[in-house]
C-alpha cells in the first residue's frame, strides 16, 4: 500500500449497521510519475478524502510489476458521502495535475459485503 488512512473503525453487525459504501478507482498510464503523484495525493487528495463527511478508510496501491497502474479504495458511511468526495477529488486532481491527469480513472462503487481487518 502506498497510502492508508482509517478513521473511527467500526464493526459491521448484520442487521444493525448499514454496510459501508466503497469506491474503487483504477488509474492507468501513470508511469514515471510516482514522486509527483505521491506528492499530489498527499497534499491535495488525501486531505479532501479523510476530511470528507462519512469517511471511514482509504487505501492506495501500486504494483511494481505494472507501474502504469494504481488502485485506490475508499470507504464511506453512505453512497451520498462517497459520491460527493469522489467528485471533489477528481476535480481537484485534474486542476492540480493538469496533463498528468489525462485519463479519468475507471470507477466501481457499491455497498461492502464484508469488512475485515487484521
Protein backbone atom coordinates (compact mmCIF):
# COMPACT_ATOMS: atom_id res chain seq x y z
CA UNK A 1 0.00 0.00 0.00
CA UNK A 2 1.29 3.42 -0.94
CA UNK A 3 -1.20 5.16 1.38
CA UNK A 4 -3.61 4.08 4.05
CA UNK A 5 -5.78 6.02 6.45
CA UNK A 6 -8.58 4.76 8.68
CA UNK A 7 -10.98 6.89 10.72
CA UNK A 8 -13.02 5.64 13.63
CA UNK A 9 -13.02 1.89 12.96
CA UNK A 10 -16.48 0.44 13.27
CA UNK A 11 -17.85 -3.04 13.40
CA UNK A 12 -20.49 -4.05 10.95
CA UNK A 13 -23.01 -6.35 12.53
CA UNK A 14 -25.67 -7.95 10.42
CA UNK A 15 -28.99 -6.10 10.54
CA UNK A 16 -27.65 -3.45 12.94
CA UNK A 17 -25.31 -1.30 10.91
CA UNK A 18 -25.64 -0.12 7.36
CA UNK A 19 -22.90 -1.53 5.16
CA UNK A 20 -20.13 0.88 4.25
CA UNK A 21 -20.01 2.23 0.72
CA UNK A 22 -16.82 1.59 -1.26
CA UNK A 23 -15.31 3.48 -4.20
CA UNK A 24 -12.58 1.68 -6.16
CA UNK A 25 -10.63 3.78 -8.66
CA UNK A 26 -8.20 2.25 -11.18
CA UNK A 27 -5.72 4.68 -12.71
CA UNK A 28 -3.83 3.79 -15.90
CA UNK A 29 -0.90 5.47 -17.64
CA UNK A 30 0.96 6.92 -14.67
CA UNK A 31 4.46 5.57 -15.44
CA UNK A 32 7.34 7.75 -14.33
CA UNK A 33 5.11 9.92 -12.20
CA UNK A 34 5.44 8.17 -8.87
CA UNK A 35 7.03 11.06 -6.96
CA UNK A 36 4.72 13.71 -8.38
CA UNK A 37 1.61 11.59 -7.91
CA UNK A 38 2.59 10.71 -4.34
CA UNK A 39 3.13 14.38 -3.54
CA UNK A 40 -0.14 15.50 -5.15
CA UNK A 41 -2.17 12.79 -3.45
CA UNK A 42 -0.55 13.58 -0.07
CA UNK A 43 -1.02 17.33 -0.34
CA UNK A 44 -4.34 17.63 -2.13
CA UNK A 45 -6.44 14.47 -2.49
CA UNK A 46 -5.84 12.73 0.84
CA UNK A 47 -6.90 15.71 3.00
CA UNK A 48 -10.10 16.05 0.93
CA UNK A 49 -10.87 12.36 1.32
CA UNK A 50 -10.04 11.98 5.01
CA UNK A 51 -11.80 15.24 5.89
CA UNK A 52 -14.98 14.39 3.99
CA UNK A 53 -18.19 13.63 5.88
CA UNK A 54 -18.68 9.90 6.38
CA UNK A 55 -15.04 8.99 5.68
CA UNK A 56 -14.03 5.56 7.06
CA UNK A 57 -10.92 4.42 5.22
CA UNK A 58 -8.57 4.95 2.28
CA UNK A 59 -6.01 2.63 0.72
CA UNK A 60 -3.92 3.18 -2.41
CA UNK A 61 -1.82 0.53 -4.12
CA UNK A 62 0.80 0.46 -6.82
CA UNK A 63 2.08 -2.74 -8.42
CA UNK A 64 5.84 -2.74 -9.06
CA UNK A 65 5.27 -5.27 -11.87
CA UNK A 66 2.80 -2.89 -13.58
CA UNK A 67 3.96 0.67 -12.79
CA UNK A 68 1.46 2.22 -15.22
CA UNK A 69 -1.37 1.30 -12.88
CA UNK A 70 -2.55 2.38 -9.43
CA UNK A 71 -5.69 1.45 -7.47
CA UNK A 72 -7.37 3.29 -4.62
CA UNK A 73 -10.10 2.00 -2.31
CA UNK A 74 -12.13 4.44 -0.23
CA UNK A 75 -14.80 3.58 2.34
CA UNK A 76 -17.63 5.87 3.45
CA UNK A 77 -20.73 5.67 5.61
CA UNK A 78 -23.07 6.29 2.67
CA UNK A 79 -23.35 6.47 -1.10
CA UNK A 80 -24.00 10.22 -0.89
CA UNK A 81 -20.82 10.84 1.13
CA UNK A 82 -18.80 8.72 -1.29
CA UNK A 83 -20.12 10.45 -4.41
CA UNK A 84 -19.55 13.95 -3.03
CA UNK A 85 -15.99 13.10 -2.07
CA UNK A 86 -15.26 11.32 -5.36
CA UNK A 87 -16.44 14.27 -7.46
CA UNK A 88 -14.41 16.75 -5.41
CA UNK A 89 -11.23 14.63 -5.53
CA UNK A 90 -11.44 14.15 -9.31
CA UNK A 91 -11.99 17.90 -9.79
CA UNK A 92 -9.01 18.87 -7.61
CA UNK A 93 -6.68 16.26 -9.08
CA UNK A 94 -7.46 17.43 -12.63
CA UNK A 95 -6.85 21.02 -11.54
CA UNK A 96 -3.56 20.24 -9.74
CA UNK A 97 -2.17 17.56 -12.04
CA UNK A 98 -3.04 19.14 -15.37
CA UNK A 99 -1.67 16.95 -18.16
CA UNK A 100 -0.77 14.11 -15.77
CA UNK A 101 -4.48 13.52 -15.14
CA UNK A 102 -5.28 12.98 -18.80
CA UNK A 103 -7.12 9.70 -18.24
CA UNK A 104 -10.02 9.61 -15.82
CA UNK A 105 -9.93 6.58 -13.53
CA UNK A 106 -12.20 3.59 -14.01
CA UNK A 107 -14.55 3.66 -11.06
CA UNK A 108 -16.50 0.89 -9.36
CA UNK A 109 -18.83 1.72 -6.47
CA UNK A 110 -21.15 -0.19 -4.19
CA UNK A 111 -22.02 -1.38 -0.70
CA UNK A 112 -19.50 -3.53 1.08
CA UNK A 113 -20.45 -7.14 1.65
CA UNK A 114 -17.75 -7.87 4.20
CA UNK A 115 -15.28 -5.73 6.07
CA UNK A 116 -12.43 -7.29 7.99
CA UNK A 117 -9.11 -6.11 9.30
CA UNK A 118 -6.30 -7.95 10.96
